[in-house]
C-alpha atoms as a PDB file:
ATOM      1  CA  MET A   1      24.189   0.033  -5.217  1.00  0.00           C
ATOM      2  CA  SER A   2      26.091  -2.276  -3.536  1.00  0.00           C
ATOM      3  CA  ARG A   3      24.816  -6.573  -3.278  1.00  0.00           C
ATOM      4  CA  GLY A   4      23.946  -6.659   0.320  1.00  0.00           C
ATOM      5  CA  ALA A   5      22.214  -2.679  -0.944  1.00  0.00           C
ATOM      6  CA  ARG A   6      20.330  -4.575  -3.352  1.00  0.00           C
ATOM      7  CA  TRP A   7      19.810  -7.727  -1.112  1.00  0.00           C
ATOM      8  CA  LEU A   8      18.028  -5.999   1.820  1.00  0.00           C
ATOM      9  CA  THR A   9      16.022  -3.667  -0.832  1.00  0.00           C
ATOM     10  CA  ALA A  10      14.519  -6.616  -2.923  1.00  0.00           C
ATOM     11  CA  ALA A  11      14.131  -8.548   0.049  1.00  0.00           C
ATOM     12  CA  LEU A  12      12.122  -5.206   1.469  1.00  0.00           C
ATOM     13  CA  LEU A  13       9.837  -4.717  -1.817  1.00  0.00           C
ATOM     14  CA  PRO A  14       7.167  -7.285  -1.301  1.00  0.00           C
ATOM     15  CA  ILE A  15       6.690  -7.153   2.607  1.00  0.00           C
ATOM     16  CA  GLY A  16       4.146  -3.847   2.910  1.00  0.00           C
ATOM     17  CA  PRO A  17       1.700  -4.845  -0.172  1.00  0.00           C
ATOM     18  CA  ALA A  18       1.841  -8.661   1.733  1.00  0.00           C
ATOM     19  CA  ALA A  19       1.334  -7.351   4.787  1.00  0.00           C
ATOM     20  CA  ILE A  20      -1.490  -4.703   4.318  1.00  0.00           C
ATOM     21  CA  ALA A  21      -2.895  -8.065   2.676  1.00  0.00           C
ATOM     22  CA  VAL A  22      -3.188 -10.003   5.184  1.00  0.00           C
ATOM     23  CA  LEU A  23      -4.320  -6.317   7.377  1.00  0.00           C
ATOM     24  CA  ARG A  24      -7.382  -6.343   5.050  1.00  0.00           C
ATOM     25  CA  LEU A  25      -8.134 -10.117   5.187  1.00  0.00           C
ATOM     26  CA  VAL A  26      -7.979 -10.086   8.820  1.00  0.00           C
ATOM     27  CA  LEU A  27      -9.398  -6.090   9.333  1.00  0.00           C
ATOM     28  CA  PRO A  28     -12.570  -6.291  12.052  1.00  0.00           C
ATOM     29  CA  TYR A  29     -14.730  -4.406  10.363  1.00  0.00           C
ATOM     30  CA  ASP A  30     -15.514  -3.088   6.610  1.00  0.00           C
ATOM     31  CA  THR A  31     -14.271   0.305   5.213  1.00  0.00           C
ATOM     32  CA  THR A  32     -17.739   1.272   5.005  1.00  0.00           C
ATOM     33  CA  ASP A  33     -19.030   0.193   8.344  1.00  0.00           C
ATOM     34  CA  ASP A  34     -19.996   3.306  10.831  1.00  0.00           C
ATOM     35  CA  ALA A  35     -18.615   4.304  14.042  1.00  0.00           C
ATOM     36  CA  ALA A  36     -20.596   2.397  16.390  1.00  0.00           C
ATOM     37  CA  VAL A  37     -20.191  -0.597  13.964  1.00  0.00           C
ATOM     38  CA  VAL A  38     -16.729  -0.406  14.343  1.00  0.00           C
ATOM     39  CA  VAL A  39     -16.220   0.122  17.944  1.00  0.00           C
ATOM     40  CA  ARG A  40     -18.463  -2.938  18.281  1.00  0.00           C
ATOM     41  CA  LYS A  41     -16.407  -4.619  16.011  1.00  0.00           C
ATOM     42  CA  VAL A  42     -13.073  -4.434  17.679  1.00  0.00           C
ATOM     43  CA  ALA A  43     -14.678  -4.849  21.036  1.00  0.00           C
ATOM     44  CA  ALA A  44     -15.218  -8.706  19.708  1.00  0.00           C
ATOM     45  CA  ALA A  45     -12.263  -8.925  18.266  1.00  0.00           C
ATOM     46  CA  PRO A  46      -9.255  -6.913  20.393  1.00  0.00           C
ATOM     47  CA  ASP A  47      -6.632  -9.469  19.187  1.00  0.00           C
ATOM     48  CA  THR A  48      -7.673  -9.015  15.488  1.00  0.00           C
ATOM     49  CA  GLN A  49      -7.513  -5.195  16.000  1.00  0.00           C
ATOM     50  CA  SER A  50      -4.242  -5.545  17.688  1.00  0.00           C
ATOM     51  CA  LEU A  51      -2.678  -7.342  14.434  1.00  0.00           C
ATOM     52  CA  VAL A  52      -4.246  -5.086  12.344  1.00  0.00           C
ATOM     53  CA  VAL A  53      -2.005  -1.752  14.311  1.00  0.00           C
ATOM     54  CA  TRP A  54       1.252  -3.737  13.869  1.00  0.00           C
ATOM     55  CA  LEU A  55       0.692  -5.241   9.769  1.00  0.00           C
ATOM     56  CA  GLY A  56      -0.224  -1.775   9.354  1.00  0.00           C
ATOM     57  CA  PHE A  57       3.258  -0.009  11.390  1.00  0.00           C
ATOM     58  CA  VAL A  58       4.892  -2.482   9.209  1.00  0.00           C
ATOM     59  CA  GLY A  59       3.504  -1.078   5.706  1.00  0.00           C
ATOM     60  CA  VAL A  60       4.418   2.396   7.367  1.00  0.00           C
ATOM     61  CA  LEU A  61       7.783   1.584   7.237  1.00  0.00           C
ATOM     62  CA  THR A  62       8.010  -0.175   3.985  1.00  0.00           C
ATOM     63  CA  LEU A  63       5.764   0.736   1.553  1.00  0.00           C
ATOM     64  CA  VAL A  64       7.322   3.987   0.307  1.00  0.00           C
ATOM     65  CA  PRO A  65      10.943   2.611   0.207  1.00  0.00           C
ATOM     66  CA  ALA A  66       9.455   0.313  -1.658  1.00  0.00           C
ATOM     67  CA  VAL A  67       7.827   2.428  -4.528  1.00  0.00           C
ATOM     68  CA  LEU A  68      10.841   4.468  -4.103  1.00  0.00           C
ATOM     69  CA  ALA A  69      12.711   1.398  -5.880  1.00  0.00           C
ATOM     70  CA  ALA A  70      10.468   0.180  -8.365  1.00  0.00           C
ATOM     71  CA  GLY A  71      11.106   3.647  -9.442  1.00  0.00           C
ATOM     72  CA  GLY A  72      14.196   3.052  -9.747  1.00  0.00           C
ATOM     73  CA  LEU A  73      14.495   0.702 -11.538  1.00  0.00           C
ATOM     74  CA  THR A  74      11.542   1.903 -13.803  1.00  0.00           C
ATOM     75  CA  ARG A  75      12.614   5.221 -14.145  1.00  0.00           C
ATOM     76  CA  PRO A  76      15.759   4.647 -17.095  1.00  0.00           C
ATOM     77  CA  GLY A  77      12.852   3.253 -19.757  1.00  0.00           C
ATOM     78  CA  ALA A  78       9.621   5.208 -18.472  1.00  0.00           C
ATOM     79  CA  PRO A  79      11.335   9.153 -16.531  1.00  0.00           C
ATOM     80  CA  ARG A  80       8.053  10.962 -16.922  1.00  0.00           C
ATOM     81  CA  THR A  81       5.561   8.070 -16.048  1.00  0.00           C
ATOM     82  CA  THR A  82       7.746   7.159 -12.917  1.00  0.00           C
ATOM     83  CA  ALA A  83       7.883  10.346 -11.815  1.00  0.00           C
ATOM     84  CA  ALA A  84       4.070  10.695 -12.172  1.00  0.00           C
ATOM     85  CA  ALA A  85       3.886   7.557 -10.428  1.00  0.00           C
ATOM     86  CA  LEU A  86       6.017   9.079  -7.364  1.00  0.00           C
ATOM     87  CA  VAL A  87       4.401  12.391  -6.809  1.00  0.00           C
ATOM     88  CA  LEU A  88       1.130  10.544  -5.912  1.00  0.00           C
ATOM     89  CA  LEU A  89       2.821   7.320  -3.847  1.00  0.00           C
ATOM     90  CA  VAL A  90       5.048   9.198  -1.676  1.00  0.00           C
ATOM     91  CA  PRO A  91       2.911  11.486  -0.082  1.00  0.00           C
ATOM     92  CA  ALA A  92      -0.024   8.668  -0.529  1.00  0.00           C
ATOM     93  CA  TYR A  93       1.564   6.163   1.821  1.00  0.00           C
ATOM     94  CA  SER A  94       3.736   8.739   3.412  1.00  0.00           C
ATOM     95  CA  THR A  95      -0.155   9.363   5.409  1.00  0.00           C
ATOM     96  CA  LEU A  96      -0.464   5.931   6.082  1.00  0.00           C
ATOM     97  CA  GLY A  97       0.751   6.565   9.839  1.00  0.00           C
ATOM     98  CA  LEU A  98      -2.117   8.337  10.344  1.00  0.00           C
ATOM     99  CA  LEU A  99      -4.912   6.118   9.362  1.00  0.00           C
ATOM    100  CA  VAL A 100      -2.851   3.680  11.658  1.00  0.00           C
ATOM    101  CA  ALA A 101      -3.359   5.615  14.828  1.00  0.00           C
ATOM    102  CA  GLY A 102      -6.937   5.909  14.080  1.00  0.00           C
ATOM    103  CA  ASP A 103      -6.904   2.034  14.568  1.00  0.00           C
ATOM    104  CA  ALA A 104      -4.673   2.906  16.583  1.00  0.00           C
ATOM    105  CA  GLY A 105      -7.192   5.269  19.295  1.00  0.00           C
ATOM    106  CA  VAL A 106     -10.279   2.516  18.434  1.00  0.00           C
ATOM    107  CA  LEU A 107      -8.102  -0.409  20.189  1.00  0.00           C
ATOM    108  CA  PHE A 108      -6.812   1.504  23.377  1.00  0.00           C
ATOM    109  CA  GLY A 109     -10.805   3.030  23.912  1.00  0.00           C
ATOM    110  CA  VAL A 110     -12.266  -0.662  23.514  1.00  0.00           C
ATOM    111  CA  ARG A 111      -9.223  -2.331  25.387  1.00  0.00           C
ATOM    112  CA  GLU A 112      -9.296   0.442  28.497  1.00  0.00           C
ATOM    113  CA  HIS A 113     -12.705  -0.349  28.412  1.00  0.00           C
ATOM    114  CA  LEU A 114     -14.294   3.237  27.669  1.00  0.00           C
ATOM    115  CA  PRO A 115     -18.287   4.296  26.851  1.00  0.00           C
ATOM    116  CA  GLU A 116     -18.265   2.897  23.470  1.00  0.00           C
ATOM    117  CA  ALA A 117     -19.947   6.169  22.128  1.00  0.00           C
ATOM    118  CA  VAL A 118     -17.198   7.857  23.640  1.00  0.00           C
ATOM    119  CA  VAL A 119     -15.129   5.842  21.331  1.00  0.00           C
ATOM    120  CA  ALA A 120     -17.192   6.189  18.584  1.00  0.00           C
ATOM    121  CA  ARG A 121     -17.128  10.180  18.539  1.00  0.00           C
ATOM    122  CA  LEU A 122     -13.744   9.837  18.716  1.00  0.00           C
ATOM    123  CA  PHE A 123     -13.512   7.903  15.695  1.00  0.00           C
ATOM    124  CA  GLU A 124     -15.937  10.038  13.747  1.00  0.00           C
ATOM    125  CA  ALA A 125     -14.520  13.012  14.908  1.00  0.00           C
ATOM    126  CA  VAL A 126     -11.097  13.184  12.812  1.00  0.00           C
ATOM    127  CA  HIS A 127      -9.360  16.282  12.540  1.00  0.00           C
ATOM    128  CA  PRO A 128      -8.820  17.969   9.403  1.00  0.00           C
ATOM    129  CA  VAL A 129      -5.191  17.248   8.563  1.00  0.00           C
ATOM    130  CA  ALA A 130      -6.089  13.260   9.045  1.00  0.00           C
ATOM    131  CA  ALA A 131      -9.348  13.882   6.669  1.00  0.00           C
ATOM    132  CA  VAL A 132      -7.367  15.782   3.969  1.00  0.00           C
ATOM    133  CA  ALA A 133      -4.719  12.240   4.821  1.00  0.00           C
ATOM    134  CA  GLY A 134      -7.588   9.870   4.179  1.00  0.00           C
ATOM    135  CA  VAL A 135      -7.791  11.771   0.552  1.00  0.00           C
ATOM    136  CA  VAL A 136      -4.534  11.981   0.021  1.00  0.00           C
ATOM    137  CA  PHE A 137      -3.946   8.047   0.767  1.00  0.00           C
ATOM    138  CA  VAL A 138      -6.919   6.371  -1.233  1.00  0.00           C
ATOM    139  CA  VAL A 139      -6.522   9.360  -4.143  1.00  0.00           C
ATOM    140  CA  GLY A 140      -2.387   9.043  -4.306  1.00  0.00           C
ATOM    141  CA  HIS A 141      -2.154   4.874  -3.482  1.00  0.00           C
ATOM    142  CA  VAL A 142      -4.990   3.952  -5.757  1.00  0.00           C
ATOM    143  CA  ALA A 143      -4.586   5.811  -8.836  1.00  0.00           C
ATOM    144  CA  GLY A 144      -0.307   6.061  -8.284  1.00  0.00           C
ATOM    145  CA  THR A 145      -0.333   2.158  -8.448  1.00  0.00           C
ATOM    146  CA  VAL A 146      -1.778   2.307 -11.537  1.00  0.00           C
ATOM    147  CA  VAL A 147       0.520   4.748 -12.976  1.00  0.00           C
ATOM    148  CA  LEU A 148       4.108   2.585 -12.244  1.00  0.00           C
ATOM    149  CA  GLY A 149       2.308  -0.656 -13.001  1.00  0.00           C
ATOM    150  CA  VAL A 150       2.039   1.289 -16.518  1.00  0.00           C
ATOM    151  CA  ALA A 151       5.812   2.463 -16.018  1.00  0.00           C
ATOM    152  CA  MET A 152       6.908  -1.102 -15.258  1.00  0.00           C
ATOM    153  CA  GLY A 153       5.137  -2.167 -19.002  1.00  0.00           C
ATOM    154  CA  ILE A 154       6.995   0.902 -20.138  1.00  0.00           C
ATOM    155  CA  SER A 155      10.068   0.408 -19.091  1.00  0.00           C
ATOM    156  CA  GLY A 156      10.350  -3.008 -19.884  1.00  0.00           C
ATOM    157  CA  ALA A 157      11.569  -3.562 -16.371  1.00  0.00           C
ATOM    158  CA  VAL A 158       9.505  -6.815 -15.788  1.00  0.00           C
ATOM    159  CA  PRO A 159       7.150  -9.395 -17.186  1.00  0.00           C
ATOM    160  CA  ARG A 160       4.335  -7.813 -18.040  1.00  0.00           C
ATOM    161  CA  TRP A 161       2.524  -9.839 -16.402  1.00  0.00           C
ATOM    162  CA  ALA A 162       3.870  -8.755 -13.069  1.00  0.00           C
ATOM    163  CA  ALA A 163       2.948  -4.700 -14.782  1.00  0.00           C
ATOM    164  CA  GLY A 164      -0.631  -5.436 -15.713  1.00  0.00           C
ATOM    165  CA  LEU A 165      -1.273  -7.469 -11.781  1.00  0.00           C
ATOM    166  CA  THR A 166       0.173  -3.857 -10.284  1.00  0.00           C
ATOM    167  CA  VAL A 167      -2.158  -2.156 -12.504  1.00  0.00           C
ATOM    168  CA  VAL A 168      -5.135  -3.789 -11.341  1.00  0.00           C
ATOM    169  CA  ALA A 169      -4.478  -4.335  -7.929  1.00  0.00           C
ATOM    170  CA  GLN A 170      -5.449  -0.877  -6.010  1.00  0.00           C
ATOM    171  CA  PRO A 171      -8.620  -0.959  -8.547  1.00  0.00           C
ATOM    172  CA  LEU A 172      -9.228  -4.034  -7.510  1.00  0.00           C
ATOM    173  CA  HIS A 173      -9.062  -2.886  -3.529  1.00  0.00           C
ATOM    174  CA  PHE A 174     -11.002   0.344  -4.015  1.00  0.00           C
ATOM    175  CA  VAL A 175     -13.665  -2.326  -5.058  1.00  0.00           C
ATOM    176  CA  ALA A 176     -13.551  -4.056  -2.613  1.00  0.00           C
ATOM    177  CA  ALA A 177     -13.376  -2.322   0.268  1.00  0.00           C
ATOM    178  CA  VAL A 178     -15.625  -0.024  -1.137  1.00  0.00           C
ATOM    179  CA  VAL A 179     -18.289  -1.018  -3.365  1.00  0.00           C
ATOM    180  CA  VAL A 180     -18.539  -4.924  -1.878  1.00  0.00           C
ATOM    181  CA  ALA A 181     -16.827  -5.210   1.312  1.00  0.00           C
ATOM    182  CA  GLY A 182     -14.978  -8.108   0.590  1.00  0.00           C
ATOM    183  CA  HIS A 183     -11.932  -9.151   2.536  1.00  0.00           C
ATOM    184  CA  PRO A 184     -10.846 -11.951   0.639  1.00  0.00           C
ATOM    185  CA  LEU A 185     -10.999 -10.133  -2.840  1.00  0.00           C
ATOM    186  CA  ASP A 186      -8.675  -7.592  -0.988  1.00  0.00           C
ATOM    187  CA  PHE A 187      -6.403  -9.791   0.152  1.00  0.00           C
ATOM    188  CA  ALA A 188      -6.115 -11.008  -3.383  1.00  0.00           C
ATOM    189  CA  ALA A 189      -5.845  -6.979  -4.590  1.00  0.00           C
ATOM    190  CA  TRP A 190      -2.855  -6.253  -2.006  1.00  0.00           C
ATOM    191  CA  GLY A 191      -2.067  -9.995  -3.482  1.00  0.00           C
ATOM    192  CA  CYS A 192      -1.400  -8.661  -6.771  1.00  0.00           C
ATOM    193  CA  ASN A 193       0.594  -5.726  -5.713  1.00  0.00           C
ATOM    194  CA  ALA A 194       2.580  -7.492  -3.265  1.00  0.00           C
ATOM    195  CA  VAL A 195       3.929  -9.920  -6.498  1.00  0.00           C
ATOM    196  CA  GLY A 196       3.613  -6.964  -8.406  1.00  0.00           C
ATOM    197  CA  PHE A 197       6.675  -5.907  -6.697  1.00  0.00           C
ATOM    198  CA  ALA A 198       8.353  -9.657  -6.261  1.00  0.00           C
ATOM    199  CA  ALA A 199       9.099  -9.050  -9.812  1.00  0.00           C
ATOM    200  CA  VAL A 200      10.607  -5.566  -9.527  1.00  0.00           C
ATOM    201  CA  ALA A 201      12.955  -7.298  -6.619  1.00  0.00           C
ATOM    202  CA  VAL A 202      13.784 -10.183  -9.231  1.00  0.00           C
ATOM    203  CA  ALA A 203      14.399  -7.356 -11.297  1.00  0.00           C
ATOM    204  CA  LEU A 204      16.733  -5.537  -9.277  1.00  0.00           C
ATOM    205  CA  LEU A 205      18.403  -8.579  -8.569  1.00  0.00           C
ATOM    206  CA  ARG A 206      19.627  -8.892 -12.096  1.00  0.00           C
ATOM    207  CA  VAL A 207      20.554  -5.721 -12.503  1.00  0.00           C
ATOM    208  CA  ALA A 208      24.371  -6.556 -12.393  1.00  0.00           C
ATOM    209  CA  PRO A 209      26.175  -3.477 -10.059  1.00  0.00           C
ATOM    210  CA  GLY A 210      26.793  -0.386 -11.431  1.00  0.00           C
ATOM    211  CA  ARG A 211      24.788  -0.891 -14.457  1.00  0.00           C
ATOM    212  CA  LYS A 212      21.615   0.521 -15.099  1.00  0.00           C
ATOM    213  CA  PRO A 213      18.037  -1.540 -15.743  1.00  0.00           C
ATOM    214  CA  ALA A 214      18.086  -2.774 -18.915  1.00  0.00           C
ATOM    215  CA  ARG A 215      15.710  -0.281 -21.341  1.00  0.00           C
ATOM    216  CA  VAL A 216      13.369  -1.095 -23.952  1.00  0.00           C
ATOM    217  CA  ALA A 217      12.866   1.153 -27.246  1.00  0.00           C
ATOM    218  CA  VAL A 218      10.021   3.226 -26.248  1.00  0.00           C
ATOM    219  CA  SER A 219       9.866   7.374 -26.406  1.00  0.00           C
ATOM    220  CA  SER A 220      11.784   8.643 -23.605  1.00  0.00           C
ATOM    221  CA  SER A 221       8.799  10.832 -23.124  1.00  0.00           C
ATOM    222  CA  ALA A 222       6.966   8.080 -21.713  1.00  0.00           C
END
Protein backbone atom coordinates (compact mmCIF):
# COMPACT_ATOMS: atom_id res chain seq x y z
CA MET A 1 0.00 0.00 0.00
CA SER A 2 1.38 3.42 -0.96
CA ARG A 3 2.04 6.09 1.67
CA GLY A 4 -0.89 8.18 0.44
CA ALA A 5 -3.25 5.21 0.52
CA ARG A 6 -2.16 4.31 4.06
CA TRP A 7 -2.78 7.86 5.28
CA LEU A 8 -6.19 7.93 3.60
CA THR A 9 -7.14 4.56 5.09
CA ALA A 10 -5.90 5.57 8.53
CA ALA A 11 -7.96 8.77 8.40
CA LEU A 12 -11.03 6.77 7.35
CA LEU A 13 -10.84 4.13 10.10
CA PRO A 14 -12.35 5.97 13.09
CA ILE A 15 -14.80 8.12 11.09
CA GLY A 16 -17.59 5.53 10.80
CA PRO A 17 -17.76 4.52 14.47
CA ALA A 18 -17.43 8.18 15.52
CA ALA A 19 -20.30 9.17 13.23
CA ILE A 20 -22.52 6.42 14.63
CA ALA A 21 -21.53 7.44 18.17
CA VAL A 22 -22.87 10.95 17.54
CA LEU A 23 -25.92 9.50 15.77
CA ARG A 24 -26.80 7.35 18.78
CA LEU A 25 -26.33 10.32 21.12
CA VAL A 26 -28.64 12.69 19.22
CA LEU A 27 -31.18 10.14 17.95
CA PRO A 28 -34.55 11.71 18.83
CA TYR A 29 -36.19 8.38 19.67
CA ASP A 30 -35.26 5.20 21.52
CA THR A 31 -34.64 1.92 19.71
CA THR A 32 -37.32 0.30 21.86
CA ASP A 33 -40.04 2.88 20.97
CA ASP A 34 -42.98 1.70 18.90
CA ALA A 35 -43.61 3.23 15.47
CA ALA A 36 -46.18 5.79 16.62
CA VAL A 37 -43.83 7.12 19.30
CA VAL A 38 -40.95 7.24 16.81
CA VAL A 39 -43.01 9.37 14.43
CA ARG A 40 -44.09 11.77 17.17
CA LYS A 41 -40.53 12.22 18.42
CA VAL A 42 -39.18 12.75 14.89
CA ALA A 43 -41.96 15.28 14.22
CA ALA A 44 -40.81 17.19 17.30
CA ALA A 45 -37.16 17.23 16.14
CA PRO A 46 -36.97 16.99 12.32
CA ASP A 47 -33.63 18.82 12.09
CA THR A 48 -32.08 16.35 14.52
CA GLN A 49 -33.51 13.48 12.49
CA SER A 50 -31.94 15.00 9.37
CA LEU A 51 -28.57 14.96 11.15
CA VAL A 52 -29.19 11.31 12.05
CA VAL A 53 -29.76 10.45 8.38
CA TRP A 54 -26.59 12.24 7.28
CA LEU A 55 -24.52 10.58 10.01
CA GLY A 56 -25.95 7.23 8.97
CA PHE A 57 -24.89 7.97 5.40
CA VAL A 58 -21.34 8.61 6.62
CA GLY A 59 -21.46 5.21 8.33
CA VAL A 60 -22.66 3.55 5.12
CA LEU A 61 -19.67 4.98 3.23
CA THR A 62 -16.96 4.26 5.80
CA LEU A 63 -17.69 1.24 7.99
CA VAL A 64 -17.08 -1.53 5.45
CA PRO A 65 -13.73 -0.06 4.28
CA ALA A 66 -12.77 0.43 7.93
CA VAL A 67 -13.34 -3.17 8.96
CA LEU A 68 -11.55 -4.40 5.83
CA ALA A 69 -8.57 -2.22 6.71
CA ALA A 70 -8.60 -3.47 10.30
CA GLY A 71 -8.80 -7.04 9.02
CA GLY A 72 -5.84 -6.44 6.75
CA LEU A 73 -3.79 -5.46 9.77
CA THR A 74 -4.83 -8.38 11.99
CA ARG A 75 -4.88 -11.13 9.36
CA PRO A 76 -1.15 -12.05 9.47
CA GLY A 77 -1.28 -12.76 13.22
CA ALA A 78 -4.83 -14.12 13.47
CA PRO A 79 -6.00 -15.29 10.04
CA ARG A 80 -8.96 -17.45 11.06
CA THR A 81 -10.28 -15.11 13.72
CA THR A 82 -9.99 -12.20 11.29
CA ALA A 83 -11.83 -14.14 8.59
CA ALA A 84 -14.66 -14.94 11.03
CA ALA A 85 -14.92 -11.27 12.00
CA LEU A 86 -15.13 -10.10 8.40
CA VAL A 87 -17.72 -12.74 7.51
CA LEU A 88 -19.93 -11.19 10.19
CA LEU A 89 -19.07 -7.52 9.80
CA VAL A 90 -19.03 -6.94 6.05
CA PRO A 91 -22.60 -8.20 5.45
CA ALA A 92 -23.78 -6.41 8.60
CA TYR A 93 -22.46 -3.01 7.61
CA SER A 94 -23.50 -3.57 3.98
CA THR A 95 -27.14 -3.62 5.17
CA LEU A 96 -26.88 -0.32 7.03
CA GLY A 97 -28.19 1.63 4.05
CA LEU A 98 -31.59 -0.04 4.33
CA LEU A 99 -31.85 0.95 7.98
CA VAL A 100 -30.86 4.55 7.23
CA ALA A 101 -33.51 4.59 4.50
CA GLY A 102 -36.12 3.82 7.16
CA ASP A 103 -35.05 6.88 9.15
CA ALA A 104 -35.08 8.96 5.98
CA GLY A 105 -38.59 7.72 5.17
CA VAL A 106 -39.94 8.84 8.54
CA LEU A 107 -38.30 12.23 8.10
CA PHE A 108 -39.85 12.61 4.63
CA GLY A 109 -43.31 11.72 5.91
CA VAL A 110 -43.04 14.22 8.75
CA ARG A 111 -41.78 17.03 6.52
CA GLU A 112 -44.51 16.38 3.95
CA HIS A 113 -47.10 16.57 6.76
CA LEU A 114 -48.43 13.09 6.11
CA PRO A 115 -50.77 11.82 8.83
CA GLU A 116 -48.75 10.43 11.73
CA ALA A 117 -50.71 7.17 11.60
CA VAL A 118 -49.75 6.69 7.95
CA VAL A 119 -46.05 7.39 8.59
CA ALA A 120 -46.12 5.02 11.55
CA ARG A 121 -47.66 2.28 9.42
CA LEU A 122 -45.01 2.80 6.76
CA PHE A 123 -42.26 2.60 9.39
CA GLU A 124 -43.82 -0.49 10.94
CA ALA A 125 -44.75 -2.37 7.77
CA VAL A 126 -41.19 -3.34 6.97
CA HIS A 127 -40.47 -5.25 3.75
CA PRO A 128 -39.19 -8.76 4.54
CA VAL A 129 -35.81 -7.89 3.00
CA ALA A 130 -35.43 -4.96 5.40
CA ALA A 131 -36.47 -7.16 8.33
CA VAL A 132 -33.80 -9.71 7.43
CA ALA A 133 -31.30 -6.87 6.97
CA GLY A 134 -32.05 -5.70 10.50
CA VAL A 135 -31.27 -9.11 11.93
CA VAL A 136 -28.08 -9.41 9.88
CA PHE A 137 -27.00 -5.96 11.04
CA VAL A 138 -27.67 -6.48 14.73
CA VAL A 139 -26.15 -9.95 14.99
CA GLY A 140 -23.31 -9.28 12.58
CA HIS A 141 -22.03 -5.98 13.91
CA VAL A 142 -22.29 -6.92 17.59
CA ALA A 143 -20.73 -10.38 17.31
CA GLY A 144 -18.37 -9.37 14.52
CA THR A 145 -16.86 -6.46 16.42
CA VAL A 146 -16.24 -8.71 19.42
CA VAL A 147 -14.46 -11.23 17.19
CA LEU A 148 -12.48 -8.46 15.48
CA GLY A 149 -11.39 -7.18 18.90
CA VAL A 150 -10.23 -10.68 19.76
CA ALA A 151 -8.28 -10.80 16.49
CA MET A 152 -6.69 -7.45 17.35
CA GLY A 153 -5.56 -8.89 20.67
CA ILE A 154 -4.32 -12.21 19.30
CA SER A 155 -2.39 -10.60 16.45
CA GLY A 156 -0.66 -8.05 18.66
CA ALA A 157 -1.27 -5.47 15.93
CA VAL A 158 -2.55 -2.93 18.47
CA PRO A 159 -2.14 -2.45 22.24
CA ARG A 160 -4.25 -4.78 24.36
CA TRP A 161 -6.26 -1.87 25.77
CA ALA A 162 -7.39 -0.98 22.23
CA ALA A 163 -8.38 -4.59 21.55
CA GLY A 164 -10.26 -4.65 24.87
CA LEU A 165 -12.18 -1.47 24.04
CA THR A 166 -13.17 -2.97 20.70
CA VAL A 167 -14.36 -6.19 22.33
CA VAL A 168 -16.64 -4.42 24.82
CA ALA A 169 -17.90 -1.70 22.46
CA GLN A 170 -20.80 -3.43 20.76
CA PRO A 171 -22.10 -5.52 23.66
CA LEU A 172 -22.23 -2.22 25.56
CA HIS A 173 -24.07 -0.65 22.62
CA PHE A 174 -26.60 -3.50 22.67
CA VAL A 175 -27.25 -2.92 26.36
CA ALA A 176 -27.63 0.83 25.80
CA ALA A 177 -29.95 0.42 22.82
CA VAL A 178 -32.15 -2.45 23.94
CA VAL A 179 -31.92 -2.89 27.70
CA VAL A 180 -31.61 0.57 29.27
CA ALA A 181 -32.27 2.93 26.32
CA GLY A 182 -29.36 5.14 27.37
CA HIS A 183 -28.12 7.49 24.64
CA PRO A 184 -25.02 8.73 26.54
CA LEU A 185 -24.04 5.12 27.25
CA ASP A 186 -24.56 4.31 23.57
CA PHE A 187 -22.34 7.24 22.63
CA ALA A 188 -19.65 5.88 24.97
CA ALA A 189 -20.00 2.39 23.47
CA TRP A 190 -19.51 3.53 19.89
CA GLY A 191 -16.80 5.88 21.15
CA CYS A 192 -14.91 2.81 22.42
CA ASN A 193 -15.23 1.37 18.92
CA ALA A 194 -13.89 4.60 17.40
CA VAL A 195 -10.91 4.67 19.79
CA GLY A 196 -10.13 1.03 19.00
CA PHE A 197 -10.20 1.77 15.28
CA ALA A 198 -8.06 4.88 15.82
CA ALA A 199 -5.45 2.58 17.40
CA VAL A 200 -5.64 0.42 14.27
CA ALA A 201 -5.06 3.57 12.20
CA VAL A 202 -1.93 4.42 14.21
CA ALA A 203 -0.65 0.86 13.85
CA LEU A 204 -1.30 0.97 10.10
CA LEU A 205 0.77 4.13 9.74
CA ARG A 206 3.65 2.48 11.60
CA VAL A 207 3.85 -0.38 9.10
CA ALA A 208 6.67 0.31 6.66
CA PRO A 209 5.57 0.33 2.99
CA GLY A 210 5.86 -3.11 1.45
CA ARG A 211 6.10 -4.88 4.81
CA LYS A 212 3.49 -6.91 6.67
CA PRO A 213 2.43 -5.96 10.19
CA ALA A 214 4.46 -7.54 12.98
CA ARG A 215 3.14 -10.90 14.07
CA VAL A 216 3.18 -12.11 17.64
CA ALA A 217 4.12 -15.67 18.58
CA VAL A 218 0.69 -17.27 18.46
CA SER A 219 -0.66 -20.30 16.70
CA SER A 220 -1.38 -19.70 12.99
CA SER A 221 -4.70 -21.46 13.50
CA ALA A 222 -6.05 -18.50 15.50
